[in-house]
């Protein structure tokens, strides 16, 4: 019924425009098709003589009166906007947390399943040992082949907070290095950035995944040394990071960790990775 009334008003508007074009003064009779009875009639005084349909409309009334102000209606609209905004923020933050790995679901799963003692010696505080055991348990459960490689190559793991080591009479600074391995013995020293990615006192899934990747990386260094392919420099780091990346993908690591490694693998010569090149240059320099 509402649609029909709108149609009548539309047709009447056209007749009114024709009326204005056909006459200049007064309400002179004119022929027009009535939109109501659909007959062509001689319209007098802007009214159909057959059905009484009025050809004159107050256009201001076509839109109806303005809706009166209602506090309840306003609050309802504000509530809808706030709800949509909260919904958007919630899912944005959820995606960020899962993508960045700021969750503890994997840690909970590993803990519930039981984290076995590490099969290799760990030297460090209890918190550090716990992180290493979680990383090894993660490798064992999600990437067993990489776990076997780590256990085969790594003979011991130690937390090394200091920023330099001695090698062949030289002081080797560890700036930008998360961990290092003594290829002759298999001893791995893990620095603070490698063990505490999120910061001291913080433990999220991303920390466990990252440490697992670090151990795979160091194990690959010793594998290369065994066959004489430890060429050093960015080329060796590229090979080790590729292995770590494959392990992290197998373990379904957080997207942020995968994206960081993908950036390196796509452009290892970028200046942001110069620390590795500077690290290897220290082994070749002549100390004075």
Protein backbone atom coordinates (compact mmCIF):
# COMPACT_ATOMS: atom_id res chain seq x y z
CA UNK A 1 0.00 0.00 0.00
CA UNK A 2 2.86 2.37 0.84
CA UNK A 3 4.52 1.69 -2.51
CA UNK A 4 1.25 2.39 -4.34
CA UNK A 5 0.82 5.72 -2.57
CA UNK A 6 4.37 6.70 -3.49
CA UNK A 7 3.63 5.83 -7.10
CA UNK A 8 0.52 8.02 -7.06
CA UNK A 9 2.48 10.93 -5.64
CA UNK A 10 5.11 10.51 -8.32
CA UNK A 11 2.54 10.56 -11.09
CA UNK A 12 0.74 13.53 -9.56
CA UNK A 13 4.03 15.45 -9.42
CA UNK A 14 4.44 14.96 -13.18
CA UNK A 15 0.89 16.24 -13.81
CA UNK A 16 1.57 19.29 -11.64
CA UNK A 17 4.70 20.09 -13.66
CA UNK A 18 2.70 19.78 -16.88
CA UNK A 19 0.06 22.06 -15.41
CA UNK A 20 2.64 24.75 -14.64
CA UNK A 21 3.99 24.50 -18.17
CA UNK A 22 0.55 24.70 -19.81
CA UNK A 23 -0.85 27.66 -17.96
CA UNK A 24 0.37 30.87 -16.45
CA UNK A 25 -2.60 32.14 -14.49
CA UNK A 26 -5.41 30.54 -12.48
CA UNK A 27 -6.63 26.96 -12.66
CA UNK A 28 -7.64 26.66 -16.29
CA UNK A 29 -9.10 23.30 -17.40
CA UNK A 30 -6.62 20.94 -19.10
CA UNK A 31 -6.54 17.39 -20.37
CA UNK A 32 -4.49 14.94 -18.34
CA UNK A 33 -4.40 11.21 -17.61
CA UNK A 34 -5.46 10.64 -14.01
CA UNK A 35 -2.93 8.42 -12.20
CA UNK A 36 -5.71 7.09 -9.96
CA UNK A 37 -8.51 6.05 -12.35
CA UNK A 38 -6.18 5.98 -15.41
CA UNK A 39 -8.60 7.90 -17.59
CA UNK A 40 -7.84 10.95 -19.69
CA UNK A 41 -10.12 13.64 -18.32
CA UNK A 42 -10.66 17.38 -18.48
CA UNK A 43 -9.28 18.51 -15.16
CA UNK A 44 -10.96 21.47 -13.53
CA UNK A 45 -9.75 23.10 -10.33
CA UNK A 46 -6.91 20.52 -10.24
CA UNK A 47 -9.31 17.68 -9.35
CA UNK A 48 -10.22 14.62 -11.44
CA UNK A 49 -13.98 14.85 -12.26
CA UNK A 50 -14.31 11.03 -12.32
CA UNK A 51 -12.62 9.91 -9.10
CA UNK A 52 -11.90 13.15 -7.24
CA UNK A 53 -8.11 12.63 -7.28
CA UNK A 54 -6.31 15.88 -6.45
CA UNK A 55 -3.63 17.04 -8.86
CA UNK A 56 -2.29 19.59 -6.35
CA UNK A 57 0.15 18.37 -3.70
CA UNK A 58 2.09 20.10 -0.98
CA UNK A 59 5.57 18.91 -1.86
CA UNK A 60 6.86 19.74 1.61
CA UNK A 61 4.57 17.03 3.02
CA UNK A 62 5.90 14.28 0.75
CA UNK A 63 8.85 13.64 3.09
CA UNK A 64 6.73 13.70 6.21
CA UNK A 65 7.45 15.61 9.40
CA UNK A 66 10.94 15.57 10.88
CA UNK A 67 11.55 12.81 13.41
CA UNK A 68 11.45 14.29 16.93
CA UNK A 69 14.60 14.05 19.05
CA UNK A 70 14.71 10.91 21.15
CA UNK A 71 17.41 10.28 23.77
CA UNK A 72 16.65 6.58 23.64
CA UNK A 73 17.18 6.48 19.88
CA UNK A 74 20.43 8.43 20.22
CA UNK A 75 21.76 6.08 22.89
CA UNK A 76 20.82 3.08 20.76
CA UNK A 77 22.81 4.44 17.82
CA UNK A 78 25.78 5.24 20.03
CA UNK A 79 25.61 1.72 21.43
CA UNK A 80 25.72 0.23 17.94
CA UNK A 81 28.77 2.34 17.02
CA UNK A 82 30.58 1.43 20.24
CA UNK A 83 29.76 -2.25 19.74
CA UNK A 84 31.10 -2.30 16.20
CA UNK A 85 34.24 -0.45 17.32
CA UNK A 86 34.84 -2.86 20.22
CA UNK A 87 34.29 -5.85 17.93
CA UNK A 88 36.84 -4.48 15.44
CA UNK A 89 39.44 -3.73 18.13
CA UNK A 90 39.02 -7.15 19.73
CA UNK A 91 39.65 -9.08 16.53
CA UNK A 92 42.46 -6.77 15.49
CA UNK A 93 44.25 -7.35 18.79
CA UNK A 94 43.51 -11.08 18.66
CA UNK A 95 45.05 -11.33 15.21
CA UNK A 96 48.07 -9.35 16.44
CA UNK A 97 48.53 -11.58 19.49
CA UNK A 98 48.32 -14.77 17.47
CA UNK A 99 50.40 -13.43 14.60
CA UNK A 100 53.11 -12.10 16.88
CA UNK A 101 53.01 -15.12 19.18
CA UNK A 102 52.13 -13.21 22.36
CA UNK A 103 50.15 -16.21 23.55
CA UNK A 104 50.78 -19.10 25.93
CA UNK A 105 48.68 -21.83 24.34
CA UNK A 106 51.63 -23.84 23.02
CA UNK A 107 53.43 -23.57 26.36
CA UNK A 108 50.29 -24.82 28.09
CA UNK A 109 49.98 -27.77 25.68
CA UNK A 110 53.62 -28.74 26.18
CA UNK A 111 53.32 -28.42 29.95
CA UNK A 112 50.15 -30.51 30.07
CA UNK A 113 51.79 -33.22 27.99
CA UNK A 114 54.81 -33.17 30.29
CA UNK A 115 58.13 -31.54 29.46
CA UNK A 116 60.90 -34.14 29.79
CA UNK A 117 64.36 -33.23 31.08
CA UNK A 118 66.77 -32.19 28.36
CA UNK A 119 68.98 -35.07 27.13
CA UNK A 120 71.97 -32.69 27.04
CA UNK A 121 73.52 -30.61 29.86
CA UNK A 122 72.15 -27.10 30.37
CA UNK A 123 74.18 -24.53 32.27
CA UNK A 124 72.20 -21.54 33.51
CA UNK A 125 69.47 -20.42 35.84
CA UNK A 126 66.35 -22.50 36.30
CA UNK A 127 64.30 -20.16 34.10
CA UNK A 128 66.78 -20.55 31.26
CA UNK A 129 66.85 -24.33 31.61
CA UNK A 130 63.04 -24.36 31.54
CA UNK A 131 63.04 -22.40 28.28
CA UNK A 132 65.53 -24.75 26.66
CA UNK A 133 63.52 -27.80 27.73
CA UNK A 134 60.33 -26.23 26.31
CA UNK A 135 62.12 -25.49 23.03
CA UNK A 136 63.42 -29.06 22.78
CA UNK A 137 59.97 -30.45 23.65
CA UNK A 138 58.46 -28.27 20.94
CA UNK A 139 60.95 -29.58 18.39
CA UNK A 140 60.34 -33.15 19.49
CA UNK A 141 56.55 -32.86 19.17
CA UNK A 142 56.26 -30.82 15.97
CA UNK A 143 59.53 -31.32 14.07
CA UNK A 144 61.09 -34.58 15.28
CA UNK A 145 63.62 -34.78 12.44
CA UNK A 146 65.05 -31.36 13.41
CA UNK A 147 65.02 -32.41 17.06
CA UNK A 148 67.21 -35.40 16.19
CA UNK A 149 69.64 -33.14 14.34
CA UNK A 150 69.91 -30.76 17.30
CA UNK A 151 70.49 -33.59 19.79
CA UNK A 152 73.10 -35.12 17.48
CA UNK A 153 75.11 -31.91 17.01
CA UNK A 154 74.64 -29.96 20.25
CA UNK A 155 76.48 -31.45 23.23
CA UNK A 156 75.74 -28.75 25.83
CA UNK A 157 73.90 -25.44 26.13
CA UNK A 158 74.93 -22.49 28.27
CA UNK A 159 73.48 -19.04 28.92
CA UNK A 160 76.15 -16.51 27.93
CA UNK A 161 75.09 -12.98 28.94
CA UNK A 162 78.52 -11.49 28.25
CA UNK A 163 79.07 -9.70 24.96
CA UNK A 164 82.40 -11.17 23.86
CA UNK A 165 84.37 -14.43 23.73
CA UNK A 166 88.01 -15.34 23.21
CA UNK A 167 88.92 -17.31 20.10
CA UNK A 168 92.46 -18.12 19.00
CA UNK A 169 93.81 -15.27 21.07
CA UNK A 170 91.31 -12.76 19.68
CA UNK A 171 88.43 -10.97 21.38
CA UNK A 172 85.30 -11.72 19.35
CA UNK A 173 82.43 -9.38 20.05
CA UNK A 174 78.96 -10.94 19.83
CA UNK A 175 77.03 -7.82 18.81
CA UNK A 176 73.87 -8.85 16.93
CA UNK A 177 74.46 -12.56 17.61
CA UNK A 178 71.72 -14.55 19.39
CA UNK A 179 73.90 -17.63 19.95
CA UNK A 180 77.08 -19.31 18.78
CA UNK A 181 78.40 -22.86 18.62
CA UNK A 182 81.87 -24.29 19.05
CA UNK A 183 81.96 -26.56 16.03
CA UNK A 184 84.76 -28.62 17.54
CA UNK A 185 82.89 -29.53 20.73
CA UNK A 186 79.23 -28.85 19.97
CA UNK A 187 78.92 -26.47 22.91
CA UNK A 188 76.27 -23.76 22.32
CA UNK A 189 76.28 -20.43 24.09
CA UNK A 190 72.91 -18.67 24.01
CA UNK A 191 72.87 -14.94 24.61
CA UNK A 192 70.08 -12.90 26.19
CA UNK A 193 68.41 -11.98 22.84
CA UNK A 194 68.29 -15.64 21.86
CA UNK A 195 66.76 -16.88 25.10
CA UNK A 196 64.61 -13.88 26.07
CA UNK A 197 63.15 -12.52 22.85
CA UNK A 198 60.25 -10.80 24.63
CA UNK A 199 62.42 -9.57 27.49
CA UNK A 200 63.65 -10.79 30.85
CA UNK A 201 60.90 -12.25 32.99
CA UNK A 202 58.53 -12.68 30.02
CA UNK A 203 57.70 -16.01 28.45
CA UNK A 204 55.37 -16.39 25.48
CA UNK A 205 55.00 -18.94 22.73
CA UNK A 206 57.13 -16.75 20.46
CA UNK A 207 60.08 -17.08 22.87
CA UNK A 208 59.93 -20.87 22.77
CA UNK A 209 59.62 -21.00 18.97
CA UNK A 210 62.46 -18.52 18.54
CA UNK A 211 64.80 -20.44 20.86
CA UNK A 212 63.96 -23.68 19.05
CA UNK A 213 64.89 -22.00 15.77
CA UNK A 214 68.15 -20.74 17.31
CA UNK A 215 69.13 -24.28 18.33
CA UNK A 216 68.38 -25.60 14.85
CA UNK A 217 70.43 -22.75 13.39
CA UNK A 218 73.46 -23.58 15.56
CA UNK A 219 73.17 -27.30 14.89
CA UNK A 220 73.30 -26.58 11.16
CA UNK A 221 76.59 -24.70 11.66
CA UNK A 222 78.19 -27.85 13.06
CA UNK A 223 76.69 -30.01 10.32
CA UNK A 224 78.38 -27.77 7.75
CA UNK A 225 81.66 -27.90 9.68
CA UNK A 226 81.59 -31.69 9.65
CA UNK A 227 81.67 -31.74 5.84
CA UNK A 228 83.99 -28.77 5.42
CA UNK A 229 81.36 -26.32 4.23
CA UNK A 230 81.62 -23.86 7.10
CA UNK A 231 82.64 -21.00 4.82
CA UNK A 232 81.53 -18.34 7.31
CA UNK A 233 80.03 -14.98 6.47
CA UNK A 234 76.56 -14.27 5.09
CA UNK A 235 76.62 -17.40 2.91
CA UNK A 236 76.83 -19.72 5.89
CA UNK A 237 74.30 -17.68 7.85
CA UNK A 238 71.91 -17.87 4.90
CA UNK A 239 72.16 -21.67 4.89
CA UNK A 240 71.61 -21.89 8.65
CA UNK A 241 68.70 -19.44 8.63
CA UNK A 242 67.08 -21.36 5.77
CA UNK A 243 67.25 -24.51 7.90
CA UNK A 244 65.82 -22.68 10.91
CA UNK A 245 63.05 -21.26 8.73
CA UNK A 246 62.11 -24.73 7.46
CA UNK A 247 61.95 -25.99 11.04
CA UNK A 248 59.80 -23.08 12.18
CA UNK A 249 57.40 -23.62 9.30
CA UNK A 250 57.16 -27.28 10.20
CA UNK A 251 56.31 -26.27 13.78
CA UNK A 252 53.68 -23.74 12.63
CA UNK A 253 55.53 -20.83 14.25
CA UNK A 254 53.98 -17.36 14.68
CA UNK A 255 53.78 -15.35 11.47
CA UNK A 256 56.06 -12.59 12.75
CA UNK A 257 58.99 -15.00 13.17
CA UNK A 258 58.44 -16.46 9.72
CA UNK A 259 58.14 -13.03 8.08
CA UNK A 260 61.38 -11.82 9.67
CA UNK A 261 63.28 -14.81 8.31
CA UNK A 262 61.62 -14.45 4.92
CA UNK A 263 62.86 -10.86 4.72
CA UNK A 264 66.42 -12.00 5.40
CA UNK A 265 66.24 -14.89 2.94
CA UNK A 266 64.87 -12.55 0.28
CA UNK A 267 67.65 -9.96 0.75
CA UNK A 268 70.52 -11.18 2.96
CA UNK A 269 72.78 -8.33 1.81
CA UNK A 270 70.53 -5.65 3.29
CA UNK A 271 72.38 -3.28 5.67
CA UNK A 272 70.23 -4.36 8.59
CA UNK A 273 72.06 -7.73 8.54
CA UNK A 274 75.55 -6.19 8.51
CA UNK A 275 76.17 -7.36 12.10
CA UNK A 276 76.72 -10.93 10.92
CA UNK A 277 79.31 -9.87 8.36
CA UNK A 278 81.09 -7.77 10.97
CA UNK A 279 81.01 -10.72 13.35
CA UNK A 280 82.83 -12.98 10.87
CA UNK A 281 85.32 -10.29 9.91
CA UNK A 282 86.66 -10.41 13.48
CA UNK A 283 87.98 -13.93 12.92
CA UNK A 284 90.10 -12.81 9.94
CA UNK A 285 91.56 -9.61 11.34
CA UNK A 286 95.06 -9.31 12.72
CA UNK A 287 95.03 -8.10 16.34
CA UNK A 288 97.60 -5.41 17.10
